[in-house]
Amino acid sequence: MANFSIRIDPELKKKMDSLKHLNWSEIIRKAIRSEIRNETEINKAKAVLLNEKIRKIAPENFSSVEVIRKFREERH
């Protein structure tokens, strides 16, 4: 595992020292994982919103089958 250093104020360190039964490394790892997960979800949500914003509704008589057929015929 990689090492990661942080600075905390003396008051916080005292409080952490008073709770020696807690695994602070694991608590911090979980918090970092959670933050990464939250940011990833936010980015996914933004992508979905952007997709919805730029999405265009096809004309009423539009046939994707015809468009695909046309492109395939032009290709060969």
Protein backbone atom coordinates (compact mmCIF):
# COMPACT_ATOMS: atom_id res chain seq x y z
CA MET A 1 0.00 0.00 0.00
CA ALA A 2 1.09 3.56 -0.64
CA ASN A 3 1.61 6.02 2.19
CA PHE A 4 -0.28 9.29 2.32
CA SER A 5 0.44 12.06 4.83
CA ILE A 6 -1.94 14.73 6.07
CA ARG A 7 -1.62 17.55 8.55
CA ILE A 8 -4.19 17.99 11.30
CA ASP A 9 -4.45 20.54 14.06
CA PRO A 10 -3.30 19.60 17.57
CA GLU A 11 -6.83 19.67 18.99
CA LEU A 12 -8.04 17.13 16.44
CA LYS A 13 -5.00 14.94 17.14
CA LYS A 14 -5.84 14.98 20.87
CA LYS A 15 -9.38 13.85 20.15
CA MET A 16 -8.13 11.10 17.86
CA ASP A 17 -5.65 9.95 20.52
CA SER A 18 -8.48 9.71 23.04
CA LEU A 19 -10.20 7.23 20.72
CA LYS A 20 -7.33 4.80 20.26
CA HIS A 21 -9.68 1.86 19.66
CA LEU A 22 -10.58 3.30 16.24
CA ASN A 23 -8.56 2.42 13.16
CA TRP A 24 -8.05 5.92 11.76
CA SER A 25 -6.30 4.67 8.65
CA GLU A 26 -9.31 2.56 7.72
CA ILE A 27 -11.72 5.40 8.52
CA ILE A 28 -9.75 7.74 6.24
CA ARG A 29 -9.58 5.10 3.46
CA LYS A 30 -13.35 4.69 3.64
CA ALA A 31 -13.87 8.46 3.54
CA ILE A 32 -11.63 8.77 0.48
CA ARG A 33 -13.44 5.89 -1.29
CA SER A 34 -16.77 7.48 -0.47
CA GLU A 35 -15.69 10.87 -1.82
CA ILE A 36 -14.40 9.30 -5.03
CA ARG A 37 -17.68 7.38 -5.42
CA ASN A 38 -19.69 10.58 -4.84
CA GLU A 39 -17.65 12.54 -7.38
CA THR A 40 -18.00 9.72 -9.91
CA GLU A 41 -21.77 9.66 -9.41
CA ILE A 42 -21.95 13.44 -9.74
CA ASN A 43 -19.99 13.23 -13.00
CA LYS A 44 -22.34 10.51 -14.29
CA ALA A 45 -25.36 12.61 -13.33
CA LYS A 46 -23.90 15.64 -15.11
CA ALA A 47 -23.26 13.52 -18.21
CA VAL A 48 -26.85 12.26 -18.21
CA LEU A 49 -28.20 15.81 -17.82
CA LEU A 50 -25.97 17.06 -20.61
CA ASN A 51 -27.06 14.17 -22.84
CA GLU A 52 -30.72 14.97 -22.17
CA LYS A 53 -30.09 18.64 -22.88
CA ILE A 54 -28.48 18.07 -26.29
CA ARG A 55 -30.62 15.13 -27.34
CA LYS A 56 -32.76 15.82 -30.38
CA ILE A 57 -36.13 14.30 -31.05
CA ALA A 58 -36.35 12.59 -34.42
CA PRO A 59 -38.85 13.92 -36.96
CA GLU A 60 -42.24 12.22 -36.97
CA ASN A 61 -41.68 10.07 -40.09
CA PHE A 62 -38.01 9.28 -39.40
CA SER A 63 -36.91 5.68 -39.99
CA SER A 64 -33.54 4.70 -38.61
CA VAL A 65 -33.77 1.46 -40.62
CA GLU A 66 -33.80 3.44 -43.85
CA VAL A 67 -30.83 5.56 -42.78
CA ILE A 68 -28.79 2.51 -41.82
CA ARG A 69 -29.67 0.78 -45.09
CA LYS A 70 -28.64 3.89 -47.05
CA PHE A 71 -25.25 4.08 -45.30
CA ARG A 72 -24.60 0.38 -45.84
CA GLU A 73 -25.44 0.62 -49.53
CA GLU A 74 -23.18 3.66 -49.97
CA ARG A 75 -20.34 1.86 -48.22
CA HIS A 76 -20.32 -1.08 -50.68
